[in-house]
Amino acid sequence: MRGDRAERPEPRTEAERRAAEVRATRGPRRTEITPETERAKIEAREIEEWVDEGSLRDEAAAAIKARKKEGKLDLGRLLPGWSG
């Protein structure tokens, strides 16, 4: 474990010195990491399922046209060269 290791001889990098400082100020891990605890974590995970509903281009274009029609959107100012 961490405490059983002998300290590395100097010179250490700044990152190694900082890591040693953090390890010294924090206590030991709250839970021991074992294959059983890892397996339990993995089995408790929910699998996300993403559904591809196709392109949103038509919906976006309709939203832009509606805002332009209402006078709430000036794409010429936002996107120079726009001619939608």
PDB file of N, CA and C in Angstrom:
ATOM      1  N   MET A   1       0.834  -1.182   0.000  1.00  0.00           N
ATOM      2  CA  MET A   1       0.000   0.000   0.000  1.00  0.00           C
ATOM      3  C   MET A   1       0.880   1.247   0.000  1.00  0.00           C
ATOM      4  N   ARG A   2       0.248   2.380   0.056  1.00  0.00           N
ATOM      5  CA  ARG A   2       0.999   3.634  -0.034  1.00  0.00           C
ATOM      6  C   ARG A   2       1.973   3.800   1.124  1.00  0.00           C
ATOM      7  N   GLY A   3       1.541   3.518   2.338  1.00  0.00           N
ATOM      8  CA  GLY A   3       2.377   3.754   3.496  1.00  0.00           C
ATOM      9  C   GLY A   3       3.564   2.813   3.581  1.00  0.00           C
ATOM     10  N   ASP A   4       3.499   1.689   2.892  1.00  0.00           N
ATOM     11  CA  ASP A   4       4.572   0.695   2.938  1.00  0.00           C
ATOM     12  C   ASP A   4       5.751   1.064   2.042  1.00  0.00           C
ATOM     13  N   ARG A   5       5.507   1.965   1.100  1.00  0.00           N
ATOM     14  CA  ARG A   5       6.570   2.325   0.157  1.00  0.00           C
ATOM     15  C   ARG A   5       7.601   3.225   0.809  1.00  0.00           C
ATOM     16  N   ALA A   6       8.823   3.005   0.444  1.00  0.00           N
ATOM     17  CA  ALA A   6       9.882   3.905   0.905  1.00  0.00           C
ATOM     18  C   ALA A   6       9.784   5.200   0.114  1.00  0.00           C
ATOM     19  N   GLU A   7      10.147   6.286   0.740  1.00  0.00           N
ATOM     20  CA  GLU A   7      10.121   7.575   0.059  1.00  0.00           C
ATOM     21  C   GLU A   7      11.125   7.561  -1.083  1.00  0.00           C
ATOM     22  N   ARG A   8      10.724   8.202  -2.177  1.00  0.00           N
ATOM     23  CA  ARG A   8      11.640   8.296  -3.317  1.00  0.00           C
ATOM     24  C   ARG A   8      12.750   9.281  -2.985  1.00  0.00           C
ATOM     25  N   PRO A   9      13.932   8.994  -3.431  1.00  0.00           N
ATOM     26  CA  PRO A   9      15.030   9.931  -3.165  1.00  0.00           C
ATOM     27  C   PRO A   9      14.842  11.214  -3.970  1.00  0.00           C
ATOM     28  N   GLU A  10      15.397  12.278  -3.470  1.00  0.00           N
ATOM     29  CA  GLU A  10      15.367  13.544  -4.202  1.00  0.00           C
ATOM     30  C   GLU A  10      16.310  13.434  -5.385  1.00  0.00           C
ATOM     31  N   PRO A  11      16.276  14.180  -6.422  1.00  0.00           N
ATOM     32  CA  PRO A  11      15.316  15.250  -6.634  1.00  0.00           C
ATOM     33  C   PRO A  11      14.006  14.713  -7.207  1.00  0.00           C
ATOM     34  N   ARG A  12      12.900  15.244  -6.696  1.00  0.00           N
ATOM     35  CA  ARG A  12      11.579  14.926  -7.226  1.00  0.00           C
ATOM     36  C   ARG A  12      11.081  16.130  -8.003  1.00  0.00           C
ATOM     37  N   THR A  13      10.125  15.866  -8.864  1.00  0.00           N
ATOM     38  CA  THR A  13       9.540  16.987  -9.600  1.00  0.00           C
ATOM     39  C   THR A  13       8.606  17.745  -8.672  1.00  0.00           C
ATOM     40  N   GLU A  14       8.215  18.932  -9.085  1.00  0.00           N
ATOM     41  CA  GLU A  14       7.284  19.737  -8.291  1.00  0.00           C
ATOM     42  C   GLU A  14       5.957  19.003  -8.120  1.00  0.00           C
ATOM     43  N   ALA A  15       5.509  18.331  -9.166  1.00  0.00           N
ATOM     44  CA  ALA A  15       4.255  17.581  -9.082  1.00  0.00           C
ATOM     45  C   ALA A  15       4.361  16.450  -8.074  1.00  0.00           C
ATOM     46  N   GLU A  16       5.492  15.764  -8.047  1.00  0.00           N
ATOM     47  CA  GLU A  16       5.684  14.679  -7.076  1.00  0.00           C
ATOM     48  C   GLU A  16       5.729  15.224  -5.650  1.00  0.00           C
ATOM     49  N   ARG A  17       6.376  16.365  -5.466  1.00  0.00           N
ATOM     50  CA  ARG A  17       6.423  16.981  -4.130  1.00  0.00           C
ATOM     51  C   ARG A  17       5.019  17.376  -3.670  1.00  0.00           C
ATOM     52  N   ARG A  18       4.246  17.956  -4.576  1.00  0.00           N
ATOM     53  CA  ARG A  18       2.876  18.369  -4.240  1.00  0.00           C
ATOM     54  C   ARG A  18       2.015  17.150  -3.931  1.00  0.00           C
ATOM     55  N   ALA A  19       2.156  16.082  -4.710  1.00  0.00           N
ATOM     56  CA  ALA A  19       1.376  14.870  -4.464  1.00  0.00           C
ATOM     57  C   ALA A  19       1.707  14.287  -3.096  1.00  0.00           C
ATOM     58  N   ALA A  20       2.973  14.298  -2.724  1.00  0.00           N
ATOM     59  CA  ALA A  20       3.384  13.790  -1.416  1.00  0.00           C
ATOM     60  C   ALA A  20       2.797  14.656  -0.300  1.00  0.00           C
ATOM     61  N   GLU A  21       2.761  15.959  -0.512  1.00  0.00           N
ATOM     62  CA  GLU A  21       2.187  16.872   0.475  1.00  0.00           C
ATOM     63  C   GLU A  21       0.700  16.591   0.669  1.00  0.00           C
ATOM     64  N   VAL A  22      -0.013  16.395  -0.430  1.00  0.00           N
ATOM     65  CA  VAL A  22      -1.448  16.111  -0.351  1.00  0.00           C
ATOM     66  C   VAL A  22      -1.688  14.782   0.350  1.00  0.00           C
ATOM     67  N   ARG A  23      -0.914  13.753  -0.005  1.00  0.00           N
ATOM     68  CA  ARG A  23      -1.063  12.445   0.641  1.00  0.00           C
ATOM     69  C   ARG A  23      -0.822  12.543   2.143  1.00  0.00           C
ATOM     70  N   ALA A  24       0.141  13.388   2.541  1.00  0.00           N
ATOM     71  CA  ALA A  24       0.466  13.525   3.955  1.00  0.00           C
ATOM     72  C   ALA A  24      -0.645  14.235   4.730  1.00  0.00           C
ATOM     73  N   THR A  25      -1.348  15.171   4.091  1.00  0.00           N
ATOM     74  CA  THR A  25      -2.385  15.925   4.792  1.00  0.00           C
ATOM     75  C   THR A  25      -3.720  15.200   4.814  1.00  0.00           C
ATOM     76  N   ARG A  26      -3.961  14.313   3.872  1.00  0.00           N
ATOM     77  CA  ARG A  26      -5.212  13.560   3.828  1.00  0.00           C
ATOM     78  C   ARG A  26      -5.025  12.220   4.506  1.00  0.00           C
ATOM     79  N   GLY A  27      -6.116  11.729   5.032  1.00  0.00           N
ATOM     80  CA  GLY A  27      -6.083  10.426   5.675  1.00  0.00           C
ATOM     81  C   GLY A  27      -6.119   9.309   4.654  1.00  0.00           C
ATOM     82  N   PRO A  28      -6.222   8.093   5.132  1.00  0.00           N
ATOM     83  CA  PRO A  28      -6.296   6.957   4.210  1.00  0.00           C
ATOM     84  C   PRO A  28      -7.634   6.956   3.470  1.00  0.00           C
ATOM     85  N   ARG A  29      -7.712   6.163   2.431  1.00  0.00           N
ATOM     86  CA  ARG A  29      -8.958   6.057   1.666  1.00  0.00           C
ATOM     87  C   ARG A  29     -10.073   5.580   2.581  1.00  0.00           C
ATOM     88  N   ARG A  30     -11.281   6.076   2.319  1.00  0.00           N
ATOM     89  CA  ARG A  30     -12.415   5.686   3.156  1.00  0.00           C
ATOM     90  C   ARG A  30     -12.816   4.237   2.923  1.00  0.00           C
ATOM     91  N   THR A  31     -12.732   3.800   1.692  1.00  0.00           N
ATOM     92  CA  THR A  31     -13.081   2.412   1.396  1.00  0.00           C
ATOM     93  C   THR A  31     -11.916   1.763   0.686  1.00  0.00           C
ATOM     94  N   GLU A  32     -11.707   0.550   1.023  1.00  0.00           N
ATOM     95  CA  GLU A  32     -10.626  -0.182   0.372  1.00  0.00           C
ATOM     96  C   GLU A  32     -11.078  -0.583  -1.023  1.00  0.00           C
ATOM     97  N   ILE A  33     -10.203  -0.447  -1.978  1.00  0.00           N
ATOM     98  CA  ILE A  33     -10.530  -0.819  -3.345  1.00  0.00           C
ATOM     99  C   ILE A  33     -10.157  -2.282  -3.539  1.00  0.00           C
ATOM    100  N   THR A  34     -11.175  -3.089  -3.750  1.00  0.00           N
ATOM    101  CA  THR A  34     -10.964  -4.518  -3.984  1.00  0.00           C
ATOM    102  C   THR A  34     -11.706  -4.895  -5.249  1.00  0.00           C
ATOM    103  N   PRO A  35     -11.381  -6.025  -5.828  1.00  0.00           N
ATOM    104  CA  PRO A  35     -12.137  -6.464  -7.012  1.00  0.00           C
ATOM    105  C   PRO A  35     -13.635  -6.597  -6.726  1.00  0.00           C
ATOM    106  N   GLU A  36     -13.988  -6.993  -5.508  1.00  0.00           N
ATOM    107  CA  GLU A  36     -15.405  -7.147  -5.165  1.00  0.00           C
ATOM    108  C   GLU A  36     -16.120  -5.802  -5.129  1.00  0.00           C
ATOM    109  N   THR A  37     -15.470  -4.777  -4.543  1.00  0.00           N
ATOM    110  CA  THR A  37     -16.111  -3.463  -4.497  1.00  0.00           C
ATOM    111  C   THR A  37     -16.212  -2.856  -5.890  1.00  0.00           C
ATOM    112  N   GLU A  38     -15.208  -3.069  -6.711  1.00  0.00           N
ATOM    113  CA  GLU A  38     -15.269  -2.570  -8.094  1.00  0.00           C
ATOM    114  C   GLU A  38     -16.378  -3.269  -8.869  1.00  0.00           C
ATOM    115  N   ARG A  39     -16.512  -4.568  -8.710  1.00  0.00           N
ATOM    116  CA  ARG A  39     -17.559  -5.330  -9.395  1.00  0.00           C
ATOM    117  C   ARG A  39     -18.933  -4.828  -8.957  1.00  0.00           C
ATOM    118  N   ALA A  40     -19.105  -4.565  -7.663  1.00  0.00           N
ATOM    119  CA  ALA A  40     -20.384  -4.068  -7.162  1.00  0.00           C
ATOM    120  C   ALA A  40     -20.709  -2.699  -7.760  1.00  0.00           C
ATOM    121  N   LYS A  41     -19.703  -1.828  -7.870  1.00  0.00           N
ATOM    122  CA  LYS A  41     -19.921  -0.511  -8.485  1.00  0.00           C
ATOM    123  C   LYS A  41     -20.350  -0.648  -9.935  1.00  0.00           C
ATOM    124  N   ILE A  42     -19.668  -1.532 -10.654  1.00  0.00           N
ATOM    125  CA  ILE A  42     -19.973  -1.719 -12.077  1.00  0.00           C
ATOM    126  C   ILE A  42     -21.383  -2.255 -12.253  1.00  0.00           C
ATOM    127  N   GLU A  43     -21.765  -3.220 -11.437  1.00  0.00           N
ATOM    128  CA  GLU A  43     -23.099  -3.812 -11.556  1.00  0.00           C
ATOM    129  C   GLU A  43     -24.197  -2.833 -11.163  1.00  0.00           C
ATOM    130  N   ALA A  44     -23.887  -1.852 -10.319  1.00  0.00           N
ATOM    131  CA  ALA A  44     -24.882  -0.873  -9.886  1.00  0.00           C
ATOM    132  C   ALA A  44     -25.100   0.231 -10.920  1.00  0.00           C
ATOM    133  N   ARG A  45     -24.244   0.328 -11.915  1.00  0.00           N
ATOM    134  CA  ARG A  45     -24.375   1.385 -12.921  1.00  0.00           C
ATOM    135  C   ARG A  45     -25.594   1.152 -13.800  1.00  0.00           C
ATOM    136  N   GLU A  46     -26.199   2.263 -14.202  1.00  0.00           N
ATOM    137  CA  GLU A  46     -27.295   2.184 -15.162  1.00  0.00           C
ATOM    138  C   GLU A  46     -26.732   2.425 -16.549  1.00  0.00           C
ATOM    139  N   ILE A  47     -27.205   1.663 -17.501  1.00  0.00           N
ATOM    140  CA  ILE A  47     -26.735   1.817 -18.877  1.00  0.00           C
ATOM    141  C   ILE A  47     -27.635   2.833 -19.577  1.00  0.00           C
ATOM    142  N   GLU A  48     -27.001   3.867 -20.116  1.00  0.00           N
ATOM    143  CA  GLU A  48     -27.748   4.872 -20.865  1.00  0.00           C
ATOM    144  C   GLU A  48     -27.963   4.372 -22.279  1.00  0.00           C
ATOM    145  N   GLU A  49     -29.146   4.631 -22.793  1.00  0.00           N
ATOM    146  CA  GLU A  49     -29.412   4.268 -24.175  1.00  0.00           C
ATOM    147  C   GLU A  49     -29.760   5.533 -24.938  1.00  0.00           C
ATOM    148  N   TRP A  50     -28.949   5.847 -25.912  1.00  0.00           N
ATOM    149  CA  TRP A  50     -29.158   7.040 -26.710  1.00  0.00           C
ATOM    150  C   TRP A  50     -29.905   6.655 -27.972  1.00  0.00           C
ATOM    151  N   VAL A  51     -30.897   7.468 -28.316  1.00  0.00           N
ATOM    152  CA  VAL A  51     -31.693   7.217 -29.506  1.00  0.00           C
ATOM    153  C   VAL A  51     -31.413   8.339 -30.500  1.00  0.00           C
ATOM    154  N   ASP A  52     -30.974   7.964 -31.676  1.00  0.00           N
ATOM    155  CA  ASP A  52     -30.704   8.955 -32.714  1.00  0.00           C
ATOM    156  C   ASP A  52     -32.019   9.281 -33.403  1.00  0.00           C
ATOM    157  N   GLU A  53     -32.477  10.508 -33.211  1.00  0.00           N
ATOM    158  CA  GLU A  53     -33.737  10.926 -33.801  1.00  0.00           C
ATOM    159  C   GLU A  53     -33.536  11.684 -35.107  1.00  0.00           C
ATOM    160  N   GLY A  54     -32.374  11.553 -35.669  1.00  0.00           N
ATOM    161  CA  GLY A  54     -32.105  12.182 -36.949  1.00  0.00           C
ATOM    162  C   GLY A  54     -31.664  13.629 -36.823  1.00  0.00           C
ATOM    163  N   SER A  55     -31.622  14.299 -37.940  1.00  0.00           N
ATOM    164  CA  SER A  55     -31.140  15.668 -38.004  1.00  0.00           C
ATOM    165  C   SER A  55     -32.132  16.648 -37.405  1.00  0.00           C
ATOM    166  N   LEU A  56     -31.606  17.671 -36.784  1.00  0.00           N
ATOM    167  CA  LEU A  56     -32.435  18.740 -36.238  1.00  0.00           C
ATOM    168  C   LEU A  56     -32.406  19.968 -37.136  1.00  0.00           C
ATOM    169  N   ARG A  57     -31.786  19.815 -38.283  1.00  0.00           N
ATOM    170  CA  ARG A  57     -31.604  20.948 -39.184  1.00  0.00           C
ATOM    171  C   ARG A  57     -32.941  21.583 -39.576  1.00  0.00           C
ATOM    172  N   ASP A  58     -33.942  20.767 -39.922  1.00  0.00           N
ATOM    173  CA  ASP A  58     -35.229  21.321 -40.341  1.00  0.00           C
ATOM    174  C   ASP A  58     -35.908  22.070 -39.195  1.00  0.00           C
ATOM    175  N   GLU A  59     -35.851  21.501 -37.985  1.00  0.00           N
ATOM    176  CA  GLU A  59     -36.448  22.174 -36.831  1.00  0.00           C
ATOM    177  C   GLU A  59     -35.732  23.486 -36.544  1.00  0.00           C
ATOM    178  N   ALA A  60     -34.419  23.491 -36.645  1.00  0.00           N
ATOM    179  CA  ALA A  60     -33.648  24.705 -36.387  1.00  0.00           C
ATOM    180  C   ALA A  60     -33.967  25.767 -37.432  1.00  0.00           C
ATOM    181  N   ALA A  61     -34.053  25.369 -38.674  1.00  0.00           N
ATOM    182  CA  ALA A  61     -34.365  26.331 -39.735  1.00  0.00           C
ATOM    183  C   ALA A  61     -35.755  26.918 -39.526  1.00  0.00           C
ATOM    184  N   ALA A  62     -36.716  26.095 -39.120  1.00  0.00           N
ATOM    185  CA  ALA A  62     -38.074  26.594 -38.877  1.00  0.00           C
ATOM    186  C   ALA A  62     -38.079  27.579 -37.709  1.00  0.00           C
ATOM    187  N   ALA A  63     -37.312  27.295 -36.673  1.00  0.00           N
ATOM    188  CA  ALA A  63     -37.242  28.194 -35.524  1.00  0.00           C
ATOM    189  C   ALA A  63     -36.627  29.537 -35.924  1.00  0.00           C
ATOM    190  N   ILE A  64     -35.600  29.492 -36.746  1.00  0.00           N
ATOM    191  CA  ILE A  64     -34.956  30.723 -37.206  1.00  0.00           C
ATOM    192  C   ILE A  64     -35.931  31.554 -38.032  1.00  0.00           C
ATOM    193  N   LYS A  65     -36.649  30.895 -38.946  1.00  0.00           N
ATOM    194  CA  LYS A  65     -37.608  31.625 -39.778  1.00  0.00           C
ATOM    195  C   LYS A  65     -38.706  32.246 -38.936  1.00  0.00           C
ATOM    196  N   ALA A  66     -39.171  31.513 -37.906  1.00  0.00           N
ATOM    197  CA  ALA A  66     -40.227  32.047 -37.052  1.00  0.00           C
ATOM    198  C   ALA A  66     -39.730  33.279 -36.299  1.00  0.00           C
ATOM    199  N   ARG A  67     -38.528  33.247 -35.796  1.00  0.00           N
ATOM    200  CA  ARG A  67     -37.981  34.397 -35.063  1.00  0.00           C
ATOM    201  C   ARG A  67     -37.769  35.580 -36.009  1.00  0.00           C
ATOM    202  N   LYS A  68     -37.304  35.282 -37.214  1.00  0.00           N
ATOM    203  CA  LYS A  68     -37.124  36.373 -38.182  1.00  0.00           C
ATOM    204  C   LYS A  68     -38.469  37.010 -38.510  1.00  0.00           C
ATOM    205  N   LYS A  69     -39.479  36.188 -38.687  1.00  0.00           N
ATOM    206  CA  LYS A  69     -40.806  36.682 -39.039  1.00  0.00           C
ATOM    207  C   LYS A  69     -41.362  37.572 -37.926  1.00  0.00           C
ATOM    208  N   GLU A  70     -41.072  37.216 -36.676  1.00  0.00           N
ATOM    209  CA  GLU A  70     -41.530  38.002 -35.533  1.00  0.00           C
ATOM    210  C   GLU A  70     -40.668  39.250 -35.330  1.00  0.00           C
ATOM    211  N   GLY A  71     -39.584  39.370 -36.071  1.00  0.00           N
ATOM    212  CA  GLY A  71     -38.704  40.517 -35.941  1.00  0.00           C
ATOM    213  C   GLY A  71     -37.795  40.433 -34.724  1.00  0.00           C
ATOM    214  N   LYS A  72     -37.651  39.242 -34.171  1.00  0.00           N
ATOM    215  CA  LYS A  72     -36.841  39.070 -32.973  1.00  0.00           C
ATOM    216  C   LYS A  72     -35.431  38.583 -33.263  1.00  0.00           C
ATOM    217  N   LEU A  73     -35.116  38.401 -34.527  1.00  0.00           N
ATOM    218  CA  LEU A  73     -33.814  37.863 -34.860  1.00  0.00           C
ATOM    219  C   LEU A  73     -33.275  38.550 -36.101  1.00  0.00           C
ATOM    220  N   ASP A  74     -32.078  39.065 -35.993  1.00  0.00           N
ATOM    221  CA  ASP A  74     -31.424  39.708 -37.118  1.00  0.00           C
ATOM    222  C   ASP A  74     -30.156  38.915 -37.425  1.00  0.00           C
ATOM    223  N   LEU A  75     -30.285  37.913 -38.275  1.00  0.00           N
ATOM    224  CA  LEU A  75     -29.143  37.059 -38.582  1.00  0.00           C
ATOM    225  C   LEU A  75     -28.070  37.780 -39.379  1.00  0.00           C
ATOM    226  N   GLY A  76     -28.441  38.803 -40.096  1.00  0.00           N
ATOM    227  CA  GLY A  76     -27.438  39.561 -40.829  1.00  0.00           C
ATOM    228  C   GLY A  76     -26.426  40.190 -39.892  1.00  0.00           C
ATOM    229  N   ARG A  77     -26.889  40.569 -38.701  1.00  0.00           N
ATOM    230  CA  ARG A  77     -25.981  41.132 -37.704  1.00  0.00           C
ATOM    231  C   ARG A  77     -25.158  40.033 -37.049  1.00  0.00           C
ATOM    232  N   LEU A  78     -25.788  38.883 -36.780  1.00  0.00           N
ATOM    233  CA  LEU A  78     -25.091  37.786 -36.105  1.00  0.00           C
ATOM    234  C   LEU A  78     -24.158  37.009 -37.021  1.00  0.00           C
ATOM    235  N   LEU A  79     -24.617  36.793 -38.260  1.00  0.00           N
ATOM    236  CA  LEU A  79     -23.843  36.003 -39.219  1.00  0.00           C
ATOM    237  C   LEU A  79     -23.646  36.798 -40.511  1.00  0.00           C
ATOM    238  N   PRO A  80     -22.574  37.552 -40.601  1.00  0.00           N
ATOM    239  CA  PRO A  80     -22.353  38.342 -41.816  1.00  0.00           C
ATOM    240  C   PRO A  80     -22.371  37.430 -43.049  1.00  0.00           C
ATOM    241  N   GLY A  81     -23.068  37.861 -44.041  1.00  0.00           N
ATOM    242  CA  GLY A  81     -23.153  37.077 -45.271  1.00  0.00           C
ATOM    243  C   GLY A  81     -24.346  36.125 -45.286  1.00  0.00           C
ATOM    244  N   TRP A  82     -25.142  36.107 -44.222  1.00  0.00           N
ATOM    245  CA  TRP A  82     -26.303  35.219 -44.137  1.00  0.00           C
ATOM    246  C   TRP A  82     -27.362  35.675 -45.118  1.00  0.00           C
ATOM    247  N   SER A  83     -27.908  34.731 -45.831  1.00  0.00           N
ATOM    248  CA  SER A  83     -28.991  35.087 -46.749  1.00  0.00           C
ATOM    249  C   SER A  83     -30.058  34.000 -46.677  1.00  0.00           C
ATOM    250  N   GLY A  84     -30.605  33.786 -45.495  1.00  0.00           N
ATOM    251  CA  GLY A  84     -31.594  32.729 -45.298  1.00  0.00           C
ATOM    252  C   GLY A  84     -32.915  33.238 -45.502  1.00  0.00           C
TER     253      GLY A  84
END
